[in-house]
Amino acid sequence: MRIPLTGRLGIVLMVVGSALLIYSIHWLAPHPRVALDIPISLSPGHISTPTFDVELDTLYYVDVELSKATLPTPAGCEPSAVLRTRWTVTGEGQPADKGSSPWEDSGLTLAVFLGENPRYAFDATIFPGASCLNARNPRLKVRTHVHPSDLYSGLNWFSIWVIATGFVLVIRFWLWGGVPERAIPRMLPAMVLTNLLPLQRHRPMPLMKDLPHFGLFWGCILLIPVFFFAVLGHQPHHGLMVNLGERNAVAWQKSPWPVTLSVYVDGQHGFYVNGQPVPREELRAKLSQELEKRVTWDVYFEADGSCPFAEAIYSIDTIQGLGANLIWITPRIREELNRKAAP
């Protein structure tokens, strides 16, 4: 049976993905660089290592490595609980670093140092309590820890994706590729229309069983998060904050101050704060000065009917920009207040 293009493409993808994965694991996988590996005794005493070579500008860890325990670990002989040391790392005959171990969450790592000299030596004093670990053949290792590179991680994930795609294509061929195409049923297949024009026989329309167009398919999938981000995402705010509550919510007599803070704009581009004229460029400073004296930051704003709209917007923006609570007395509210105040 002839393998269609989809099946051959799946096989090629699986082979290419496997080759990339093998190359990544064999050539790009990080391996620790061991500068020193010697057996030691964890009985109380002193340990001195010979000098060893390190690579410059590389972080090295001094670890104690134990073999896997064949017998259950005795009670009270947990390595991180009984191992206590005081150590010194020297480079080129000069003290480079010293300290004690273990520290919090350090495990069996005794020391960490950065290779600033080509040769180092390590000295440590073992405190009592760790002798029970000698049965596990302890070894002292100076080595780097494994940190996978971005290229290694990215190539591994890409290889797995390629292999998975090829596997899906092969499985698709295995499930549906071997099924012969079923002829589309036709009414009166032997009858040819000849009364008007001769009917040309065409190849029957194939069944819709192939993969969809990838551009259209992934485009539709990407439209799903685009829709959610557009609906649920942050919407920028424009315009002015307007409270459409009850019109009679303004209560003049409930103000805690005998003199309320008000801003009035007349029809001649004039600004007034509590009845006192204020230049346009000093409106913000005057309001800030008045608000600093008050506990409640309520500002009553009113504009003349012939006031330019731009001046009213400038006043509202200045009041709200200072963080004050704007109470806008519209012309209709002014008429109602005047009617209620009339005897």
C-alpha atoms as a PDB file:
ATOM      1  CA  MET A   1       0.000   0.000   0.000  1.00  0.00           C
ATOM      2  CA  ARG A   2       1.382   3.388  -0.976  1.00  0.00           C
ATOM      3  CA  ILE A   3       2.000   5.692   1.976  1.00  0.00           C
ATOM      4  CA  PRO A   4       0.410   9.121   1.376  1.00  0.00           C
ATOM      5  CA  LEU A   5       2.189  12.397   1.891  1.00  0.00           C
ATOM      6  CA  THR A   6       0.786  12.854   5.401  1.00  0.00           C
ATOM      7  CA  GLY A   7       2.197   9.535   6.609  1.00  0.00           C
ATOM      8  CA  ARG A   8       5.605  10.170   5.006  1.00  0.00           C
ATOM      9  CA  LEU A   9       5.730  13.632   6.559  1.00  0.00           C
ATOM     10  CA  GLY A  10       4.974  12.137   9.986  1.00  0.00           C
ATOM     11  CA  ILE A  11       7.788   9.610   9.640  1.00  0.00           C
ATOM     12  CA  VAL A  12      10.235  12.333   8.577  1.00  0.00           C
ATOM     13  CA  LEU A  13       9.236  14.526  11.529  1.00  0.00           C
ATOM     14  CA  MET A  14       9.714  11.649  13.973  1.00  0.00           C
ATOM     15  CA  VAL A  15      13.173  10.870  12.562  1.00  0.00           C
ATOM     16  CA  VAL A  16      14.260  14.530  12.548  1.00  0.00           C
ATOM     17  CA  GLY A  17      12.911  15.124  16.064  1.00  0.00           C
ATOM     18  CA  SER A  18      14.646  12.004  17.398  1.00  0.00           C
ATOM     19  CA  ALA A  19      17.931  13.073  15.796  1.00  0.00           C
ATOM     20  CA  LEU A  20      17.670  16.550  17.342  1.00  0.00           C
ATOM     21  CA  LEU A  21      16.873  15.073  20.741  1.00  0.00           C
ATOM     22  CA  ILE A  22      19.823  12.646  20.588  1.00  0.00           C
ATOM     23  CA  TYR A  23      22.128  15.472  19.495  1.00  0.00           C
ATOM     24  CA  SER A  24      20.908  17.711  22.311  1.00  0.00           C
ATOM     25  CA  ILE A  25      21.312  15.044  24.989  1.00  0.00           C
ATOM     26  CA  HIS A  26      24.712  13.867  23.719  1.00  0.00           C
ATOM     27  CA  TRP A  27      26.398  17.165  22.870  1.00  0.00           C
ATOM     28  CA  LEU A  28      24.531  19.922  24.705  1.00  0.00           C
ATOM     29  CA  ALA A  29      23.574  18.229  27.987  1.00  0.00           C
ATOM     30  CA  PRO A  30      25.410  19.945  30.864  1.00  0.00           C
ATOM     31  CA  HIS A  31      27.921  17.832  32.770  1.00  0.00           C
ATOM     32  CA  PRO A  32      29.505  18.759  36.095  1.00  0.00           C
ATOM     33  CA  ARG A  33      33.228  19.524  35.998  1.00  0.00           C
ATOM     34  CA  VAL A  34      34.982  17.675  38.839  1.00  0.00           C
ATOM     35  CA  ALA A  35      38.194  19.304  40.074  1.00  0.00           C
ATOM     36  CA  LEU A  36      38.810  16.905  42.994  1.00  0.00           C
ATOM     37  CA  ASP A  37      37.418  13.519  44.052  1.00  0.00           C
ATOM     38  CA  ILE A  38      39.041  11.789  47.051  1.00  0.00           C
ATOM     39  CA  PRO A  39      37.828   9.441  49.817  1.00  0.00           C
ATOM     40  CA  ILE A  40      37.670  10.948  53.313  1.00  0.00           C
ATOM     41  CA  SER A  41      36.811   9.958  56.876  1.00  0.00           C
ATOM     42  CA  LEU A  42      34.157  11.854  58.780  1.00  0.00           C
ATOM     43  CA  SER A  43      35.588  10.975  62.183  1.00  0.00           C
ATOM     44  CA  PRO A  44      36.515  13.985  64.340  1.00  0.00           C
ATOM     45  CA  GLY A  45      39.753  15.457  63.048  1.00  0.00           C
ATOM     46  CA  HIS A  46      41.317  17.518  60.290  1.00  0.00           C
ATOM     47  CA  ILE A  47      41.133  17.066  56.498  1.00  0.00           C
ATOM     48  CA  SER A  48      43.636  18.639  54.092  1.00  0.00           C
ATOM     49  CA  THR A  49      43.376  18.139  50.351  1.00  0.00           C
ATOM     50  CA  PRO A  50      46.148  18.473  47.784  1.00  0.00           C
ATOM     51  CA  THR A  51      46.018  21.447  45.453  1.00  0.00           C
ATOM     52  CA  PHE A  52      43.657  21.093  42.543  1.00  0.00           C
ATOM     53  CA  ASP A  53      43.099  23.036  39.326  1.00  0.00           C
ATOM     54  CA  VAL A  54      39.887  24.950  38.618  1.00  0.00           C
ATOM     55  CA  GLU A  55      38.578  27.033  35.737  1.00  0.00           C
ATOM     56  CA  LEU A  56      38.558  30.773  36.228  1.00  0.00           C
ATOM     57  CA  ASP A  57      35.290  32.643  36.830  1.00  0.00           C
ATOM     58  CA  THR A  58      33.453  29.391  37.569  1.00  0.00           C
ATOM     59  CA  LEU A  59      31.442  28.619  40.709  1.00  0.00           C
ATOM     60  CA  TYR A  60      32.595  25.444  42.495  1.00  0.00           C
ATOM     61  CA  TYR A  61      30.901  23.508  45.293  1.00  0.00           C
ATOM     62  CA  VAL A  62      32.689  21.400  47.928  1.00  0.00           C
ATOM     63  CA  ASP A  63      30.321  18.476  48.520  1.00  0.00           C
ATOM     64  CA  VAL A  64      30.374  15.323  50.622  1.00  0.00           C
ATOM     65  CA  GLU A  65      29.023  12.414  48.594  1.00  0.00           C
ATOM     66  CA  LEU A  66      27.773   9.244  50.305  1.00  0.00           C
ATOM     67  CA  SER A  67      27.094   5.909  48.692  1.00  0.00           C
ATOM     68  CA  LYS A  68      23.580   4.559  48.759  1.00  0.00           C
ATOM     69  CA  ALA A  69      22.814   2.938  52.094  1.00  0.00           C
ATOM     70  CA  THR A  70      22.288  -0.831  51.886  1.00  0.00           C
ATOM     71  CA  LEU A  71      21.044  -0.899  55.494  1.00  0.00           C
ATOM     72  CA  PRO A  72      18.540   1.430  57.149  1.00  0.00           C
ATOM     73  CA  THR A  73      20.124   4.623  58.435  1.00  0.00           C
ATOM     74  CA  PRO A  74      20.503   4.503  62.237  1.00  0.00           C
ATOM     75  CA  ALA A  75      18.288   6.819  64.217  1.00  0.00           C
ATOM     76  CA  GLY A  76      19.898  10.198  64.768  1.00  0.00           C
ATOM     77  CA  CYS A  77      22.390   9.746  61.898  1.00  0.00           C
ATOM     78  CA  GLU A  78      20.850  11.965  59.267  1.00  0.00           C
ATOM     79  CA  PRO A  79      23.738  13.460  57.229  1.00  0.00           C
ATOM     80  CA  SER A  80      22.427  17.025  57.273  1.00  0.00           C
ATOM     81  CA  ALA A  81      21.926  16.816  61.071  1.00  0.00           C
ATOM     82  CA  VAL A  82      25.228  15.270  62.257  1.00  0.00           C
ATOM     83  CA  LEU A  83      27.767  16.763  59.826  1.00  0.00           C
ATOM     84  CA  ARG A  84      29.417  19.902  61.242  1.00  0.00           C
ATOM     85  CA  THR A  85      32.629  21.414  59.881  1.00  0.00           C
ATOM     86  CA  ARG A  86      34.787  24.519  59.886  1.00  0.00           C
ATOM     87  CA  TRP A  87      36.589  24.993  56.579  1.00  0.00           C
ATOM     88  CA  THR A  88      39.082  27.178  54.747  1.00  0.00           C
ATOM     89  CA  VAL A  89      39.644  27.502  50.998  1.00  0.00           C
ATOM     90  CA  THR A  90      43.070  28.826  49.991  1.00  0.00           C
ATOM     91  CA  GLY A  91      44.185  29.935  46.544  1.00  0.00           C
ATOM     92  CA  GLU A  92      47.807  30.460  45.535  1.00  0.00           C
ATOM     93  CA  GLY A  93      48.892  30.187  49.187  1.00  0.00           C
ATOM     94  CA  GLN A  94      46.607  33.036  50.388  1.00  0.00           C
ATOM     95  CA  PRO A  95      43.405  32.556  52.447  1.00  0.00           C
ATOM     96  CA  ALA A  96      40.584  32.922  49.972  1.00  0.00           C
ATOM     97  CA  ASP A  97      37.517  32.119  52.054  1.00  0.00           C
ATOM     98  CA  LYS A  98      36.519  30.430  55.291  1.00  0.00           C
ATOM     99  CA  GLY A  99      33.386  29.549  57.185  1.00  0.00           C
ATOM    100  CA  SER A 100      31.377  26.760  58.785  1.00  0.00           C
ATOM    101  CA  SER A 101      28.808  24.307  57.492  1.00  0.00           C
ATOM    102  CA  PRO A 102      26.211  23.223  56.947  1.00  0.00           C
ATOM    103  CA  TRP A 103      24.113  26.367  56.669  1.00  0.00           C
ATOM    104  CA  GLU A 104      20.365  26.434  56.118  1.00  0.00           C
ATOM    105  CA  ASP A 105      19.177  24.165  53.254  1.00  0.00           C
ATOM    106  CA  SER A 106      22.770  23.438  52.211  1.00  0.00           C
ATOM    107  CA  GLY A 107      22.485  19.663  52.471  1.00  0.00           C
ATOM    108  CA  LEU A 108      25.937  18.095  52.221  1.00  0.00           C
ATOM    109  CA  THR A 109      27.532  21.112  50.542  1.00  0.00           C
ATOM    110  CA  LEU A 110      30.368  22.313  52.792  1.00  0.00           C
ATOM    111  CA  ALA A 111      31.604  25.364  50.878  1.00  0.00           C
ATOM    112  CA  VAL A 112      31.088  27.397  47.713  1.00  0.00           C
ATOM    113  CA  PHE A 113      33.779  29.510  46.069  1.00  0.00           C
ATOM    114  CA  LEU A 114      34.372  31.331  42.792  1.00  0.00           C
ATOM    115  CA  GLY A 115      37.454  30.340  40.839  1.00  0.00           C
ATOM    116  CA  GLU A 116      39.559  33.498  40.851  1.00  0.00           C
ATOM    117  CA  ASN A 117      42.915  31.621  40.932  1.00  0.00           C
ATOM    118  CA  PRO A 118      43.899  28.595  38.860  1.00  0.00           C
ATOM    119  CA  ARG A 119      44.852  26.404  41.883  1.00  0.00           C
ATOM    120  CA  TYR A 120      43.181  25.911  45.233  1.00  0.00           C
ATOM    121  CA  ALA A 121      43.413  23.765  48.370  1.00  0.00           C
ATOM    122  CA  PHE A 122      40.704  22.876  50.895  1.00  0.00           C
ATOM    123  CA  ASP A 123      41.098  22.333  54.660  1.00  0.00           C
ATOM    124  CA  ALA A 124      38.292  21.319  57.027  1.00  0.00           C
ATOM    125  CA  THR A 125      37.880  20.383  60.671  1.00  0.00           C
ATOM    126  CA  ILE A 126      35.271  17.684  61.312  1.00  0.00           C
ATOM    127  CA  PHE A 127      33.387  18.019  64.604  1.00  0.00           C
ATOM    128  CA  PRO A 128      32.187  14.966  66.565  1.00  0.00           C
ATOM    129  CA  GLY A 129      28.921  13.327  65.599  1.00  0.00           C
ATOM    130  CA  ALA A 130      29.441  12.337  61.955  1.00  0.00           C
ATOM    131  CA  SER A 131      31.404   9.095  62.503  1.00  0.00           C
ATOM    132  CA  CYS A 132      28.293   7.022  61.787  1.00  0.00           C
ATOM    133  CA  LEU A 133      28.493   8.145  58.124  1.00  0.00           C
ATOM    134  CA  ASN A 134      31.840   6.382  57.524  1.00  0.00           C
ATOM    135  CA  ALA A 135      29.950   3.157  56.731  1.00  0.00           C
ATOM    136  CA  ARG A 136      28.649   4.852  53.558  1.00  0.00           C
ATOM    137  CA  ASN A 137      32.144   5.466  52.111  1.00  0.00           C
ATOM    138  CA  PRO A 138      32.135   9.284  52.097  1.00  0.00           C
ATOM    139  CA  ARG A 139      33.999  11.102  49.339  1.00  0.00           C
ATOM    140  CA  LEU A 140      34.952  14.772  49.062  1.00  0.00           C
ATOM    141  CA  LYS A 141      34.190  16.273  45.651  1.00  0.00           C
ATOM    142  CA  VAL A 142      34.993  19.742  44.345  1.00  0.00           C
ATOM    143  CA  ARG A 143      32.754  20.220  41.324  1.00  0.00           C
ATOM    144  CA  THR A 144      30.380  22.491  39.497  1.00  0.00           C
ATOM    145  CA  HIS A 145      26.646  21.961  39.669  1.00  0.00           C
ATOM    146  CA  VAL A 146      24.610  21.293  36.574  1.00  0.00           C
ATOM    147  CA  HIS A 147      22.730  24.269  35.109  1.00  0.00           C
ATOM    148  CA  PRO A 148      21.110  23.549  31.722  1.00  0.00           C
ATOM    149  CA  SER A 149      21.543  26.277  29.115  1.00  0.00           C
ATOM    150  CA  ASP A 150      18.664  27.972  27.325  1.00  0.00           C
ATOM    151  CA  LEU A 151      19.730  26.347  24.035  1.00  0.00           C
ATOM    152  CA  TYR A 152      19.622  22.879  25.600  1.00  0.00           C
ATOM    153  CA  SER A 153      16.177  23.373  27.153  1.00  0.00           C
ATOM    154  CA  GLY A 154      14.721  25.005  24.049  1.00  0.00           C
ATOM    155  CA  LEU A 155      16.080  22.338  21.686  1.00  0.00           C
ATOM    156  CA  ASN A 156      14.718  19.563  23.895  1.00  0.00           C
ATOM    157  CA  TRP A 157      11.208  21.023  23.929  1.00  0.00           C
ATOM    158  CA  PHE A 158      11.332  21.683  20.187  1.00  0.00           C
ATOM    159  CA  SER A 159      12.452  18.082  19.522  1.00  0.00           C
ATOM    160  CA  ILE A 160       9.638  16.697  21.657  1.00  0.00           C
ATOM    161  CA  TRP A 161       7.120  18.878  19.788  1.00  0.00           C
ATOM    162  CA  VAL A 162       8.414  17.678  16.400  1.00  0.00           C
ATOM    163  CA  ILE A 163       8.289  14.024  17.503  1.00  0.00           C
ATOM    164  CA  ALA A 164       4.754  14.436  18.869  1.00  0.00           C
ATOM    165  CA  THR A 165       3.561  16.078  15.638  1.00  0.00           C
ATOM    166  CA  GLY A 166       5.061  13.290  13.545  1.00  0.00           C
ATOM    167  CA  PHE A 167       3.529  10.672  15.832  1.00  0.00           C
ATOM    168  CA  VAL A 168       0.070  12.225  15.419  1.00  0.00           C
ATOM    169  CA  LEU A 169       0.435  12.224  11.618  1.00  0.00           C
ATOM    170  CA  VAL A 170       1.558   8.579  11.593  1.00  0.00           C
ATOM    171  CA  ILE A 171      -1.290   7.532  13.892  1.00  0.00           C
ATOM    172  CA  ARG A 172      -3.722   9.380  11.653  1.00  0.00           C
ATOM    173  CA  PHE A 173      -2.434   7.510   8.614  1.00  0.00           C
ATOM    174  CA  TRP A 174      -2.533   4.198  10.484  1.00  0.00           C
ATOM    175  CA  LEU A 175      -6.151   4.757  11.544  1.00  0.00           C
ATOM    176  CA  TRP A 176      -7.594   6.285   8.380  1.00  0.00           C
ATOM    177  CA  GLY A 177      -4.996   5.979   5.639  1.00  0.00           C
ATOM    178  CA  GLY A 178      -5.610   2.304   4.944  1.00  0.00           C
ATOM    179  CA  VAL A 179      -9.350   2.698   4.489  1.00  0.00           C
ATOM    180  CA  PRO A 180     -10.118   2.755   0.771  1.00  0.00           C
ATOM    181  CA  GLU A 181     -12.071   5.720  -0.474  1.00  0.00           C
ATOM    182  CA  ARG A 182     -15.747   4.982  -0.684  1.00  0.00           C
ATOM    183  CA  ALA A 183     -17.363   5.984  -3.947  1.00  0.00           C
ATOM    184  CA  ILE A 184     -19.913   8.730  -3.569  1.00  0.00           C
ATOM    185  CA  PRO A 185     -23.385   7.349  -4.414  1.00  0.00           C
ATOM    186  CA  ARG A 186     -24.921   8.800  -7.566  1.00  0.00           C
ATOM    187  CA  MET A 187     -28.428   8.692  -8.905  1.00  0.00           C
ATOM    188  CA  LEU A 188     -28.596   6.874 -12.258  1.00  0.00           C
ATOM    189  CA  PRO A 189     -24.794   6.625 -12.696  1.00  0.00           C
ATOM    190  CA  ALA A 190     -25.100   5.186 -16.220  1.00  0.00           C
ATOM    191  CA  MET A 191     -27.387   7.908 -17.536  1.00  0.00           C
ATOM    192  CA  VAL A 192     -25.727  10.788 -19.391  1.00  0.00           C
ATOM    193  CA  LEU A 193     -27.665  13.977 -20.040  1.00  0.00           C
ATOM    194  CA  THR A 194     -27.626  14.712 -23.740  1.00  0.00           C
ATOM    195  CA  ASN A 195     -30.727  16.802 -24.234  1.00  0.00           C
ATOM    196  CA  LEU A 196     -28.919  20.125 -23.668  1.00  0.00           C
ATOM    197  CA  LEU A 197     -25.157  19.748 -23.257  1.00  0.00           C
ATOM    198  CA  PRO A 198     -23.065  16.663 -22.861  1.00  0.00           C
ATOM    199  CA  LEU A 199     -22.248  16.089 -19.187  1.00  0.00           C
ATOM    200  CA  GLN A 200     -18.527  15.782 -18.600  1.00  0.00           C
ATOM    201  CA  ARG A 201     -17.626  13.171 -16.072  1.00  0.00           C
ATOM    202  CA  HIS A 202     -15.410  14.512 -13.281  1.00  0.00           C
ATOM    203  CA  ARG A 203     -13.573  12.864 -10.472  1.00  0.00           C
ATOM    204  CA  PRO A 204     -15.866  12.382  -7.486  1.00  0.00           C
ATOM    205  CA  MET A 205     -15.364  14.946  -4.746  1.00  0.00           C
ATOM    206  CA  PRO A 206     -13.036  13.496  -2.102  1.00  0.00           C
ATOM    207  CA  LEU A 207     -14.242  13.093   1.427  1.00  0.00           C
ATOM    208  CA  MET A 208     -13.258  15.834   3.909  1.00  0.00           C
ATOM    209  CA  LYS A 209     -10.797  13.799   5.960  1.00  0.00           C
ATOM    210  CA  ASP A 210      -7.497  15.689   5.525  1.00  0.00           C
ATOM    211  CA  LEU A 211      -6.035  18.085   8.037  1.00  0.00           C
ATOM    212  CA  PRO A 212      -7.325  21.669   7.865  1.00  0.00           C
ATOM    213  CA  HIS A 213      -5.256  24.565   6.643  1.00  0.00           C
ATOM    214  CA  PHE A 214      -2.763  25.274   9.458  1.00  0.00           C
ATOM    215  CA  GLY A 215      -2.857  29.038   9.019  1.00  0.00           C
ATOM    216  CA  LEU A 216      -6.649  29.141   9.236  1.00  0.00           C
ATOM    217  CA  PHE A 217      -6.731  26.545  12.025  1.00  0.00           C
ATOM    218  CA  TRP A 218      -4.206  28.276  14.322  1.00  0.00           C
ATOM    219  CA  GLY A 219      -5.627  31.691  13.441  1.00  0.00           C
ATOM    220  CA  CYS A 220      -9.018  30.604  14.779  1.00  0.00           C
ATOM    221  CA  ILE A 221      -7.385  29.284  17.946  1.00  0.00           C
ATOM    222  CA  LEU A 222      -5.498  32.548  18.492  1.00  0.00           C
ATOM    223  CA  LEU A 223      -8.742  34.485  18.133  1.00  0.00           C
ATOM    224  CA  ILE A 224      -9.994  32.850  21.356  1.00  0.00           C
ATOM    225  CA  PRO A 225      -7.401  34.498  23.712  1.00  0.00           C
ATOM    226  CA  VAL A 226      -7.615  37.704  21.656  1.00  0.00           C
ATOM    227  CA  PHE A 227     -11.363  37.827  22.365  1.00  0.00           C
ATOM    228  CA  PHE A 228     -10.890  37.245  26.110  1.00  0.00           C
ATOM    229  CA  PHE A 229      -8.068  39.804  26.360  1.00  0.00           C
ATOM    230  CA  ALA A 230     -10.164  42.354  24.482  1.00  0.00           C
ATOM    231  CA  VAL A 231     -13.202  41.819  26.714  1.00  0.00           C
ATOM    232  CA  LEU A 232     -11.577  41.183  30.099  1.00  0.00           C
ATOM    233  CA  GLY A 233      -8.398  43.246  29.657  1.00  0.00           C
ATOM    234  CA  HIS A 234      -7.714  46.626  31.157  1.00  0.00           C
ATOM    235  CA  GLN A 235      -9.748  49.350  29.522  1.00  0.00           C
ATOM    236  CA  PRO A 236      -8.296  52.885  29.529  1.00  0.00           C
ATOM    237  CA  HIS A 237     -10.494  55.485  31.143  1.00  0.00           C
ATOM    238  CA  HIS A 238     -11.485  58.598  29.247  1.00  0.00           C
ATOM    239  CA  GLY A 239     -13.759  61.477  30.051  1.00  0.00           C
ATOM    240  CA  LEU A 240     -15.013  62.738  33.408  1.00  0.00           C
ATOM    241  CA  MET A 241     -16.339  60.845  36.399  1.00  0.00           C
ATOM    242  CA  VAL A 242     -20.078  61.606  36.691  1.00  0.00           C
ATOM    243  CA  ASN A 243     -22.302  60.396  39.510  1.00  0.00           C
ATOM    244  CA  LEU A 244     -25.855  59.944  38.179  1.00  0.00           C
ATOM    245  CA  GLY A 245     -27.465  59.551  41.574  1.00  0.00           C
ATOM    246  CA  GLU A 246     -30.304  61.537  43.005  1.00  0.00           C
ATOM    247  CA  ARG A 247     -30.286  65.186  42.050  1.00  0.00           C
ATOM    248  CA  ASN A 248     -31.221  66.288  45.581  1.00  0.00           C
ATOM    249  CA  ALA A 249     -28.308  64.481  47.231  1.00  0.00           C
ATOM    250  CA  VAL A 250     -26.539  67.803  47.834  1.00  0.00           C
ATOM    251  CA  ALA A 251     -27.176  68.918  51.391  1.00  0.00           C
ATOM    252  CA  TRP A 252     -25.790  72.392  51.994  1.00  0.00           C
ATOM    253  CA  GLN A 253     -26.623  72.397  55.674  1.00  0.00           C
ATOM    254  CA  LYS A 254     -24.664  69.183  56.350  1.00  0.00           C
ATOM    255  CA  SER A 255     -21.273  70.668  55.523  1.00  0.00           C
ATOM    256  CA  PRO A 256     -18.881  70.487  58.545  1.00  0.00           C
ATOM    257  CA  TRP A 257     -17.474  73.903  57.618  1.00  0.00           C
ATOM    258  CA  PRO A 258     -19.337  77.182  57.958  1.00  0.00           C
ATOM    259  CA  VAL A 259     -17.934  78.270  54.590  1.00  0.00           C
ATOM    260  CA  THR A 260     -18.046  75.677  51.807  1.00  0.00           C
ATOM    261  CA  LEU A 261     -15.379  75.439  49.138  1.00  0.00           C
ATOM    262  CA  SER A 262     -16.821  76.419  45.782  1.00  0.00           C
ATOM    263  CA  VAL A 263     -15.529  77.150  42.292  1.00  0.00           C
ATOM    264  CA  TYR A 264     -17.498  79.359  39.915  1.00  0.00           C
ATOM    265  CA  VAL A 265     -16.779  80.170  36.250  1.00  0.00           C
ATOM    266  CA  ASP A 266     -18.536  83.119  34.669  1.00  0.00           C
ATOM    267  CA  GLY A 267     -19.168  83.849  31.023  1.00  0.00           C
ATOM    268  CA  GLN A 268     -16.094  86.098  30.683  1.00  0.00           C
ATOM    269  CA  HIS A 269     -13.446  83.401  31.345  1.00  0.00           C
ATOM    270  CA  GLY A 270     -13.328  84.426  35.003  1.00  0.00           C
ATOM    271  CA  PHE A 271     -12.633  81.958  37.825  1.00  0.00           C
ATOM    272  CA  TYR A 272     -13.816  82.443  41.422  1.00  0.00           C
ATOM    273  CA  VAL A 273     -12.891  80.406  44.521  1.00  0.00           C
ATOM    274  CA  ASN A 274     -15.335  81.107  47.380  1.00  0.00           C
ATOM    275  CA  GLY A 275     -16.359  84.296  45.587  1.00  0.00           C
ATOM    276  CA  GLN A 276     -12.811  85.617  45.202  1.00  0.00           C
ATOM    277  CA  PRO A 277     -11.442  86.073  41.670  1.00  0.00           C
ATOM    278  CA  VAL A 278      -8.465  83.853  40.855  1.00  0.00           C
ATOM    279  CA  PRO A 279      -6.349  83.885  37.677  1.00  0.00           C
ATOM    280  CA  ARG A 280      -6.718  80.788  35.530  1.00  0.00           C
ATOM    281  CA  GLU A 281      -3.101  79.703  35.965  1.00  0.00           C
ATOM    282  CA  GLU A 282      -3.374  80.002  39.788  1.00  0.00           C
ATOM    283  CA  LEU A 283      -6.589  77.995  40.159  1.00  0.00           C
ATOM    284  CA  ARG A 284      -4.833  74.737  41.032  1.00  0.00           C
ATOM    285  CA  ALA A 285      -2.532  76.345  43.629  1.00  0.00           C
ATOM    286  CA  LYS A 286      -5.449  78.197  45.264  1.00  0.00           C
ATOM    287  CA  LEU A 287      -7.578  75.045  45.497  1.00  0.00           C
ATOM    288  CA  SER A 288      -4.665  73.042  46.906  1.00  0.00           C
ATOM    289  CA  GLN A 289      -4.087  75.695  49.541  1.00  0.00           C
ATOM    290  CA  GLU A 290      -7.757  75.666  50.574  1.00  0.00           C
ATOM    291  CA  LEU A 291      -8.037  71.854  50.609  1.00  0.00           C
ATOM    292  CA  GLU A 292      -5.056  71.501  52.937  1.00  0.00           C
ATOM    293  CA  LYS A 293      -7.058  73.265  55.650  1.00  0.00           C
ATOM    294  CA  ARG A 294     -10.041  70.888  55.435  1.00  0.00           C
ATOM    295  CA  VAL A 295     -10.850  67.361  56.479  1.00  0.00           C
ATOM    296  CA  THR A 296     -13.539  66.760  53.864  1.00  0.00           C
ATOM    297  CA  TRP A 297     -12.467  67.529  50.314  1.00  0.00           C
ATOM    298  CA  ASP A 298     -15.829  68.468  48.805  1.00  0.00           C
ATOM    299  CA  VAL A 299     -15.741  71.154  46.128  1.00  0.00           C
ATOM    300  CA  TYR A 300     -18.982  72.629  44.754  1.00  0.00           C
ATOM    301  CA  PHE A 301     -18.615  73.571  41.107  1.00  0.00           C
ATOM    302  CA  GLU A 302     -20.944  75.819  39.114  1.00  0.00           C
ATOM    303  CA  ALA A 303     -20.585  77.489  35.734  1.00  0.00           C
ATOM    304  CA  ASP A 304     -22.523  80.261  34.075  1.00  0.00           C
ATOM    305  CA  GLY A 305     -24.760  79.293  31.171  1.00  0.00           C
ATOM    306  CA  SER A 306     -22.638  81.347  28.758  1.00  0.00           C
ATOM    307  CA  CYS A 307     -19.362  79.929  30.088  1.00  0.00           C
ATOM    308  CA  PRO A 308     -17.156  78.369  27.408  1.00  0.00           C
ATOM    309  CA  PHE A 309     -17.231  74.589  27.619  1.00  0.00           C
ATOM    310  CA  ALA A 310     -13.420  74.353  27.607  1.00  0.00           C
ATOM    311  CA  GLU A 311     -13.182  76.474  30.767  1.00  0.00           C
ATOM    312  CA  ALA A 312     -15.706  74.273  32.592  1.00  0.00           C
ATOM    313  CA  ILE A 313     -13.795  71.134  31.599  1.00  0.00           C
ATOM    314  CA  TYR A 314     -10.529  72.741  32.771  1.00  0.00           C
ATOM    315  CA  SER A 315     -12.057  73.483  36.182  1.00  0.00           C
ATOM    316  CA  ILE A 316     -13.489  69.968  36.593  1.00  0.00           C
ATOM    317  CA  ASP A 317     -10.182  68.379  35.583  1.00  0.00           C
ATOM    318  CA  THR A 318      -8.298  70.580  38.083  1.00  0.00           C
ATOM    319  CA  ILE A 319     -10.640  69.695  40.948  1.00  0.00           C
ATOM    320  CA  GLN A 320     -10.568  65.965  40.293  1.00  0.00           C
ATOM    321  CA  GLY A 321      -6.826  66.044  39.644  1.00  0.00           C
ATOM    322  CA  LEU A 322      -6.287  67.242  43.228  1.00  0.00           C
ATOM    323  CA  GLY A 323      -8.289  64.259  44.523  1.00  0.00           C
ATOM    324  CA  ALA A 324     -11.281  66.296  45.663  1.00  0.00           C
ATOM    325  CA  ASN A 325     -14.900  65.147  45.543  1.00  0.00           C
ATOM    326  CA  LEU A 326     -16.624  67.173  42.811  1.00  0.00           C
ATOM    327  CA  ILE A 327     -20.238  68.248  43.403  1.00  0.00           C
ATOM    328  CA  TRP A 328     -21.525  69.787  40.174  1.00  0.00           C
ATOM    329  CA  ILE A 329     -24.407  72.223  40.507  1.00  0.00           C
ATOM    330  CA  THR A 330     -26.032  72.162  37.078  1.00  0.00           C
ATOM    331  CA  PRO A 331     -28.441  74.878  35.880  1.00  0.00           C
ATOM    332  CA  ARG A 332     -31.446  72.680  36.621  1.00  0.00           C
ATOM    333  CA  ILE A 333     -30.255  71.988  40.166  1.00  0.00           C
ATOM    334  CA  ARG A 334     -29.666  75.743  40.620  1.00  0.00           C
ATOM    335  CA  GLU A 335     -33.265  76.439  39.547  1.00  0.00           C
ATOM    336  CA  GLU A 336     -34.628  73.881  41.986  1.00  0.00           C
ATOM    337  CA  LEU A 337     -32.500  75.242  44.830  1.00  0.00           C
ATOM    338  CA  ASN A 338     -33.657  78.777  44.093  1.00  0.00           C
ATOM    339  CA  ARG A 339     -37.292  77.663  43.943  1.00  0.00           C
ATOM    340  CA  LYS A 340     -37.022  75.860  47.280  1.00  0.00           C
ATOM    341  CA  ALA A 341     -35.277  78.859  48.862  1.00  0.00           C
ATOM    342  CA  ALA A 342     -37.965  81.286  47.649  1.00  0.00           C
ATOM    343  CA  PRO A 343     -40.654  82.087  50.292  1.00  0.00           C
END
